[in-house]
Amino acid sequence: MQKRLSAVALLVVVLLLVTVTTVAAQTTTVTANIPVPQPGSNVIAGTWDPQCAGNLVTVTDSNGIVLGTATIQADGSFTVYLSRPLEIGESVTVSSPCGPNSLLTTIGPIPVPEAGTLLMLGAGLAGLAGYAGLRWRARK
């Protein structure tokens, strides 16, 4: 009788361990919402599925070097403070064991229109405003 009781107790312990391991490895199919960070930024913030609360978010560069980590909060938000500012054209990977995939964010250069483009745009808008003014005066 005692052997049977200890076998049942062992089975219960094994089932509890399997249940705890399954809960700890919980994943989600909801993708993270992470705005593209600007060059020079030291922070990457976003939201993940609230089911992932307590999991670690890791930011790595293209060489696999960890730039920072953070824990997902109960509301799904996270803020990773990076060890260095991001550079123009740099790629970083934001990942969590809970998420469906690692997210690759490319920090691109900020596009600035050429001076000629700005001049043509300004002239076009001035011409359009002048035409609208003539039409309005003609209606009166």
N, C-alpha and C. Protein backbone atom coordinates (compact mmCIF):
# COMPACT_ATOMS: atom_id res chain seq x y z
N MET A 1 0.82 -1.19 0.00
CA MET A 1 0.00 0.00 0.00
C MET A 1 0.87 1.26 0.00
N GLN A 2 1.97 1.18 0.76
CA GLN A 2 2.83 2.35 0.86
C GLN A 2 3.55 2.61 -0.48
N LYS A 3 3.93 1.57 -1.22
CA LYS A 3 4.56 1.74 -2.52
C LYS A 3 3.59 2.37 -3.50
N ARG A 4 2.33 1.97 -3.45
CA ARG A 4 1.33 2.53 -4.35
C ARG A 4 1.11 4.01 -4.03
N LEU A 5 1.09 4.35 -2.75
CA LEU A 5 0.89 5.73 -2.33
C LEU A 5 2.07 6.60 -2.77
N SER A 6 3.28 6.09 -2.66
CA SER A 6 4.44 6.87 -3.07
C SER A 6 4.48 7.00 -4.60
N ALA A 7 4.01 6.00 -5.34
CA ALA A 7 3.95 6.08 -6.80
C ALA A 7 2.95 7.15 -7.22
N VAL A 8 1.82 7.23 -6.54
CA VAL A 8 0.81 8.24 -6.84
C VAL A 8 1.35 9.63 -6.51
N ALA A 9 2.04 9.76 -5.38
CA ALA A 9 2.62 11.04 -5.00
C ALA A 9 3.67 11.47 -6.03
N LEU A 10 4.48 10.55 -6.51
CA LEU A 10 5.48 10.86 -7.53
C LEU A 10 4.80 11.30 -8.82
N LEU A 11 3.73 10.65 -9.20
CA LEU A 11 2.99 11.02 -10.41
C LEU A 11 2.41 12.43 -10.28
N VAL A 12 1.88 12.77 -9.11
CA VAL A 12 1.32 14.10 -8.88
C VAL A 12 2.41 15.16 -8.98
N VAL A 13 3.59 14.88 -8.41
CA VAL A 13 4.70 15.84 -8.47
C VAL A 13 5.14 16.05 -9.92
N VAL A 14 5.24 14.98 -10.69
CA VAL A 14 5.64 15.08 -12.09
C VAL A 14 4.62 15.90 -12.87
N LEU A 15 3.34 15.65 -12.65
CA LEU A 15 2.30 16.42 -13.35
C LEU A 15 2.36 17.90 -12.98
N LEU A 16 2.62 18.19 -11.73
CA LEU A 16 2.74 19.60 -11.32
C LEU A 16 3.94 20.26 -12.00
N LEU A 17 5.06 19.56 -12.08
CA LEU A 17 6.23 20.12 -12.75
C LEU A 17 5.97 20.37 -14.23
N VAL A 18 5.30 19.45 -14.88
CA VAL A 18 4.97 19.63 -16.30
C VAL A 18 4.04 20.83 -16.47
N THR A 19 3.07 21.00 -15.59
CA THR A 19 2.15 22.14 -15.66
C THR A 19 2.89 23.45 -15.46
N VAL A 20 3.78 23.52 -14.48
CA VAL A 20 4.54 24.75 -14.23
C VAL A 20 5.43 25.07 -15.42
N THR A 21 6.08 24.07 -16.01
CA THR A 21 6.94 24.30 -17.16
C THR A 21 6.13 24.79 -18.35
N THR A 22 4.94 24.25 -18.56
CA THR A 22 4.09 24.68 -19.66
C THR A 22 3.65 26.13 -19.48
N VAL A 23 3.31 26.54 -18.28
CA VAL A 23 2.90 27.91 -18.03
C VAL A 23 4.07 28.86 -18.23
N ALA A 24 5.27 28.47 -17.81
CA ALA A 24 6.44 29.33 -17.94
C ALA A 24 6.82 29.55 -19.40
N ALA A 25 6.56 28.58 -20.26
CA ALA A 25 6.93 28.68 -21.66
C ALA A 25 5.80 29.25 -22.51
N GLN A 26 4.90 29.97 -21.91
CA GLN A 26 3.74 30.52 -22.62
C GLN A 26 4.18 31.48 -23.72
N THR A 27 3.59 31.32 -24.88
CA THR A 27 3.90 32.21 -25.99
C THR A 27 2.61 32.84 -26.51
N THR A 28 2.76 33.81 -27.39
CA THR A 28 1.62 34.50 -27.95
C THR A 28 1.77 34.60 -29.46
N THR A 29 0.67 34.80 -30.14
CA THR A 29 0.71 35.03 -31.59
C THR A 29 0.52 36.50 -31.91
N VAL A 30 0.34 37.33 -30.89
CA VAL A 30 0.16 38.77 -31.09
C VAL A 30 1.53 39.41 -31.31
N THR A 31 1.68 40.14 -32.40
CA THR A 31 2.96 40.79 -32.67
C THR A 31 3.11 42.03 -31.81
N ALA A 32 4.35 42.39 -31.55
CA ALA A 32 4.64 43.56 -30.72
C ALA A 32 4.42 44.84 -31.52
N ASN A 33 4.07 45.90 -30.82
CA ASN A 33 3.92 47.22 -31.42
C ASN A 33 5.11 48.06 -30.97
N ILE A 34 6.09 48.23 -31.87
CA ILE A 34 7.31 48.94 -31.53
C ILE A 34 7.53 50.04 -32.56
N PRO A 35 7.38 51.31 -32.16
CA PRO A 35 7.66 52.39 -33.11
C PRO A 35 9.14 52.40 -33.50
N VAL A 36 9.42 52.83 -34.73
CA VAL A 36 10.79 52.89 -35.21
C VAL A 36 11.55 53.96 -34.43
N PRO A 37 12.63 53.58 -33.76
CA PRO A 37 13.40 54.57 -33.01
C PRO A 37 14.20 55.48 -33.93
N GLN A 38 14.49 56.67 -33.47
CA GLN A 38 15.24 57.65 -34.24
C GLN A 38 16.74 57.46 -34.00
N PRO A 39 17.57 57.83 -34.98
CA PRO A 39 19.03 57.78 -34.76
C PRO A 39 19.41 58.65 -33.56
N GLY A 40 20.32 58.17 -32.75
CA GLY A 40 20.76 58.89 -31.56
C GLY A 40 19.94 58.55 -30.32
N SER A 41 18.88 57.76 -30.50
CA SER A 41 18.02 57.39 -29.37
C SER A 41 18.71 56.37 -28.47
N ASN A 42 18.49 56.50 -27.17
CA ASN A 42 19.01 55.54 -26.19
C ASN A 42 17.91 54.64 -25.64
N VAL A 43 16.68 54.79 -26.15
CA VAL A 43 15.53 54.08 -25.59
C VAL A 43 14.71 53.46 -26.72
N ILE A 44 14.28 52.23 -26.52
CA ILE A 44 13.29 51.59 -27.40
C ILE A 44 12.14 51.17 -26.51
N ALA A 45 10.95 51.67 -26.82
CA ALA A 45 9.76 51.36 -26.01
C ALA A 45 8.66 50.85 -26.93
N GLY A 46 7.77 50.06 -26.38
CA GLY A 46 6.66 49.53 -27.15
C GLY A 46 5.74 48.72 -26.27
N THR A 47 4.84 47.98 -26.92
CA THR A 47 3.92 47.11 -26.18
C THR A 47 3.93 45.73 -26.80
N TRP A 48 3.78 44.74 -25.94
CA TRP A 48 3.67 43.35 -26.34
C TRP A 48 2.34 42.85 -25.79
N ASP A 49 1.98 41.65 -26.06
CA ASP A 49 0.76 41.06 -25.53
C ASP A 49 0.83 41.04 -23.99
N PRO A 50 -0.22 41.53 -23.27
CA PRO A 50 -0.19 41.49 -21.81
C PRO A 50 -0.01 40.08 -21.24
N GLN A 51 -0.32 39.04 -22.01
CA GLN A 51 -0.08 37.67 -21.57
C GLN A 51 1.40 37.42 -21.32
N CYS A 52 2.25 38.23 -21.95
CA CYS A 52 3.69 38.05 -21.87
C CYS A 52 4.31 38.76 -20.66
N ALA A 53 3.49 39.29 -19.78
CA ALA A 53 4.00 40.03 -18.62
C ALA A 53 5.01 39.18 -17.86
N GLY A 54 6.13 39.81 -17.50
CA GLY A 54 7.18 39.13 -16.77
C GLY A 54 8.28 38.56 -17.64
N ASN A 55 8.04 38.45 -18.96
CA ASN A 55 9.08 37.95 -19.87
C ASN A 55 10.08 39.04 -20.18
N LEU A 56 11.25 38.63 -20.59
CA LEU A 56 12.35 39.54 -20.88
C LEU A 56 12.33 39.94 -22.34
N VAL A 57 12.54 41.24 -22.63
CA VAL A 57 12.71 41.76 -23.98
C VAL A 57 14.19 42.07 -24.14
N THR A 58 14.78 41.61 -25.23
CA THR A 58 16.20 41.82 -25.47
C THR A 58 16.39 42.55 -26.79
N VAL A 59 17.24 43.58 -26.79
CA VAL A 59 17.59 44.31 -28.01
C VAL A 59 19.04 43.99 -28.34
N THR A 60 19.28 43.48 -29.56
CA THR A 60 20.64 43.16 -30.01
C THR A 60 20.92 43.89 -31.31
N ASP A 61 22.19 44.17 -31.56
CA ASP A 61 22.56 44.79 -32.83
C ASP A 61 22.81 43.71 -33.87
N SER A 62 23.25 44.11 -35.08
CA SER A 62 23.43 43.15 -36.17
C SER A 62 24.58 42.16 -35.91
N ASN A 63 25.45 42.48 -34.96
CA ASN A 63 26.55 41.57 -34.60
C ASN A 63 26.16 40.62 -33.47
N GLY A 64 24.92 40.72 -32.97
CA GLY A 64 24.46 39.87 -31.88
C GLY A 64 24.81 40.38 -30.50
N ILE A 65 25.35 41.59 -30.41
CA ILE A 65 25.71 42.17 -29.11
C ILE A 65 24.46 42.73 -28.45
N VAL A 66 24.24 42.36 -27.20
CA VAL A 66 23.06 42.82 -26.47
C VAL A 66 23.24 44.29 -26.10
N LEU A 67 22.28 45.11 -26.54
CA LEU A 67 22.32 46.55 -26.24
C LEU A 67 21.50 46.90 -25.01
N GLY A 68 20.54 46.04 -24.64
CA GLY A 68 19.74 46.30 -23.46
C GLY A 68 18.64 45.27 -23.29
N THR A 69 18.11 45.19 -22.07
CA THR A 69 17.01 44.28 -21.76
C THR A 69 16.00 45.00 -20.88
N ALA A 70 14.78 44.50 -20.89
CA ALA A 70 13.72 45.02 -20.03
C ALA A 70 12.70 43.92 -19.81
N THR A 71 11.85 44.11 -18.81
CA THR A 71 10.79 43.16 -18.50
C THR A 71 9.46 43.72 -18.99
N ILE A 72 8.64 42.85 -19.58
CA ILE A 72 7.31 43.27 -20.03
C ILE A 72 6.42 43.44 -18.80
N GLN A 73 5.78 44.60 -18.71
CA GLN A 73 4.93 44.93 -17.57
C GLN A 73 3.56 44.26 -17.70
N ALA A 74 2.73 44.38 -16.67
CA ALA A 74 1.41 43.73 -16.64
C ALA A 74 0.51 44.24 -17.77
N ASP A 75 0.67 45.51 -18.18
CA ASP A 75 -0.16 46.05 -19.26
C ASP A 75 0.43 45.77 -20.64
N GLY A 76 1.57 45.07 -20.70
CA GLY A 76 2.20 44.72 -21.96
C GLY A 76 3.27 45.70 -22.40
N SER A 77 3.44 46.80 -21.70
CA SER A 77 4.42 47.80 -22.11
C SER A 77 5.83 47.40 -21.65
N PHE A 78 6.81 47.91 -22.38
CA PHE A 78 8.21 47.72 -21.99
C PHE A 78 9.02 48.92 -22.46
N THR A 79 10.10 49.19 -21.76
CA THR A 79 11.03 50.25 -22.12
C THR A 79 12.44 49.71 -21.93
N VAL A 80 13.19 49.65 -23.03
CA VAL A 80 14.56 49.14 -22.99
C VAL A 80 15.50 50.35 -23.08
N TYR A 81 16.35 50.52 -22.06
CA TYR A 81 17.36 51.56 -22.07
C TYR A 81 18.64 50.95 -22.64
N LEU A 82 19.11 51.52 -23.75
CA LEU A 82 20.24 50.96 -24.47
C LEU A 82 21.57 51.41 -23.89
N SER A 83 22.60 50.58 -24.09
CA SER A 83 23.93 50.89 -23.56
C SER A 83 24.64 51.96 -24.37
N ARG A 84 24.16 52.24 -25.59
CA ARG A 84 24.74 53.28 -26.43
C ARG A 84 23.65 53.82 -27.37
N PRO A 85 23.84 55.03 -27.91
CA PRO A 85 22.86 55.56 -28.85
C PRO A 85 22.87 54.79 -30.17
N LEU A 86 21.72 54.75 -30.83
CA LEU A 86 21.61 54.09 -32.13
C LEU A 86 22.19 55.00 -33.21
N GLU A 87 22.74 54.38 -34.24
CA GLU A 87 23.35 55.13 -35.33
C GLU A 87 22.49 55.06 -36.57
N ILE A 88 22.70 55.99 -37.50
CA ILE A 88 21.96 56.00 -38.76
C ILE A 88 22.32 54.76 -39.56
N GLY A 89 21.30 54.08 -40.08
CA GLY A 89 21.50 52.89 -40.88
C GLY A 89 21.72 51.61 -40.09
N GLU A 90 21.61 51.67 -38.78
CA GLU A 90 21.84 50.50 -37.93
C GLU A 90 20.59 49.63 -37.86
N SER A 91 20.80 48.32 -37.81
CA SER A 91 19.70 47.38 -37.65
C SER A 91 19.76 46.77 -36.26
N VAL A 92 18.63 46.71 -35.59
CA VAL A 92 18.56 46.08 -34.27
C VAL A 92 17.43 45.06 -34.27
N THR A 93 17.57 44.06 -33.43
CA THR A 93 16.56 43.03 -33.29
C THR A 93 15.96 43.13 -31.90
N VAL A 94 14.63 43.20 -31.84
CA VAL A 94 13.91 43.24 -30.58
C VAL A 94 13.21 41.90 -30.45
N SER A 95 13.53 41.15 -29.39
CA SER A 95 12.98 39.80 -29.27
C SER A 95 12.59 39.49 -27.84
N SER A 96 11.70 38.52 -27.72
CA SER A 96 11.26 38.01 -26.43
C SER A 96 10.92 36.53 -26.60
N PRO A 97 11.17 35.71 -25.60
CA PRO A 97 10.79 34.31 -25.70
C PRO A 97 9.28 34.14 -25.86
N CYS A 98 8.52 35.12 -25.47
CA CYS A 98 7.07 35.04 -25.53
C CYS A 98 6.53 35.36 -26.92
N GLY A 99 7.22 36.19 -27.66
CA GLY A 99 6.68 36.68 -28.93
C GLY A 99 6.75 35.67 -30.04
N PRO A 100 5.98 35.93 -31.11
CA PRO A 100 5.98 35.00 -32.24
C PRO A 100 7.29 35.02 -33.01
N ASN A 101 7.92 36.16 -33.17
CA ASN A 101 9.17 36.29 -33.92
C ASN A 101 9.96 37.46 -33.37
N SER A 102 11.22 37.47 -33.69
CA SER A 102 12.03 38.66 -33.40
C SER A 102 11.68 39.71 -34.44
N LEU A 103 11.68 40.95 -34.04
CA LEU A 103 11.32 42.03 -34.94
C LEU A 103 12.57 42.80 -35.32
N LEU A 104 12.82 42.94 -36.61
CA LEU A 104 13.99 43.65 -37.08
C LEU A 104 13.59 45.08 -37.41
N THR A 105 14.22 46.03 -36.75
CA THR A 105 13.93 47.44 -36.97
C THR A 105 15.17 48.09 -37.57
N THR A 106 15.03 48.66 -38.74
CA THR A 106 16.15 49.33 -39.38
C THR A 106 16.03 50.83 -39.12
N ILE A 107 17.07 51.40 -38.58
CA ILE A 107 17.09 52.83 -38.32
C ILE A 107 17.61 53.49 -39.59
N GLY A 108 16.74 54.13 -40.33
CA GLY A 108 17.13 54.72 -41.60
C GLY A 108 17.48 56.19 -41.48
N PRO A 109 18.15 56.72 -42.49
CA PRO A 109 18.45 58.15 -42.48
C PRO A 109 17.17 58.96 -42.60
N ILE A 110 17.20 60.14 -42.05
CA ILE A 110 16.04 61.02 -42.12
C ILE A 110 16.08 61.71 -43.48
N PRO A 111 15.08 61.49 -44.36
CA PRO A 111 15.13 62.09 -45.69
C PRO A 111 14.88 63.60 -45.63
N VAL A 112 15.75 64.34 -46.30
CA VAL A 112 15.61 65.79 -46.39
C VAL A 112 15.51 66.13 -47.87
N PRO A 113 14.42 66.82 -48.27
CA PRO A 113 14.28 67.16 -49.69
C PRO A 113 15.40 68.11 -50.14
N GLU A 114 15.73 68.02 -51.42
CA GLU A 114 16.72 68.92 -51.98
C GLU A 114 16.16 70.34 -52.03
N ALA A 115 17.07 71.29 -52.09
CA ALA A 115 16.65 72.70 -52.11
C ALA A 115 15.77 73.00 -53.32
N GLY A 116 16.10 72.44 -54.48
CA GLY A 116 15.30 72.68 -55.69
C GLY A 116 13.88 72.16 -55.53
N THR A 117 13.72 71.03 -54.85
CA THR A 117 12.39 70.46 -54.62
C THR A 117 11.58 71.39 -53.73
N LEU A 118 12.21 71.90 -52.68
CA LEU A 118 11.51 72.82 -51.79
C LEU A 118 11.11 74.10 -52.52
N LEU A 119 11.98 74.60 -53.41
CA LEU A 119 11.67 75.81 -54.17
C LEU A 119 10.49 75.58 -55.10
N MET A 120 10.49 74.44 -55.79
CA MET A 120 9.37 74.13 -56.70
C MET A 120 8.08 73.94 -55.92
N LEU A 121 8.14 73.31 -54.77
CA LEU A 121 6.95 73.12 -53.95
C LEU A 121 6.41 74.46 -53.49
N GLY A 122 7.31 75.34 -53.04
CA GLY A 122 6.88 76.66 -52.59
C GLY A 122 6.26 77.47 -53.72
N ALA A 123 6.86 77.44 -54.90
CA ALA A 123 6.33 78.18 -56.05
C ALA A 123 4.98 77.62 -56.46
N GLY A 124 4.86 76.31 -56.44
CA GLY A 124 3.59 75.69 -56.80
C GLY A 124 2.48 76.05 -55.83
N LEU A 125 2.79 76.05 -54.54
CA LEU A 125 1.78 76.43 -53.55
C LEU A 125 1.42 77.90 -53.65
N ALA A 126 2.41 78.75 -53.93
CA ALA A 126 2.13 80.19 -54.09
C ALA A 126 1.23 80.40 -55.31
N GLY A 127 1.53 79.70 -56.40
CA GLY A 127 0.68 79.81 -57.60
C GLY A 127 -0.73 79.32 -57.35
N LEU A 128 -0.85 78.23 -56.61
CA LEU A 128 -2.17 77.69 -56.28
C LEU A 128 -2.95 78.66 -55.40
N ALA A 129 -2.28 79.27 -54.44
CA ALA A 129 -2.95 80.24 -53.57
C ALA A 129 -3.38 81.46 -54.38
N GLY A 130 -2.55 81.91 -55.31
CA GLY A 130 -2.92 83.06 -56.15
C GLY A 130 -4.13 82.74 -57.01
N TYR A 131 -4.16 81.55 -57.60
CA TYR A 131 -5.30 81.14 -58.43
C TYR A 131 -6.57 81.05 -57.59
N ALA A 132 -6.46 80.49 -56.38
CA ALA A 132 -7.63 80.39 -55.50
C ALA A 132 -8.13 81.78 -55.13
N GLY A 133 -7.18 82.73 -54.89
CA GLY A 133 -7.58 84.10 -54.58
C GLY A 133 -8.31 84.76 -55.74
N LEU A 134 -7.86 84.55 -56.97
CA LEU A 134 -8.53 85.11 -58.14
C LEU A 134 -9.94 84.53 -58.28
N ARG A 135 -10.05 83.24 -58.07
CA ARG A 135 -11.38 82.60 -58.18
C ARG A 135 -12.33 83.15 -57.13
N TRP A 136 -11.81 83.36 -55.94
CA TRP A 136 -12.65 83.85 -54.86
C TRP A 136 -13.12 85.29 -55.17
N ARG A 137 -12.21 86.14 -55.65
CA ARG A 137 -12.57 87.51 -55.98
C ARG A 137 -13.57 87.56 -57.13
N ALA A 138 -13.46 86.62 -58.07
CA ALA A 138 -14.38 86.57 -59.22
C ALA A 138 -15.78 86.18 -58.76
N ARG A 139 -15.92 85.45 -57.68
CA ARG A 139 -17.24 85.03 -57.18
C ARG A 139 -17.97 86.17 -56.55
N LYS A 140 -17.30 87.19 -56.07
CA LYS A 140 -17.95 88.29 -55.36
C LYS A 140 -18.64 89.23 -56.26
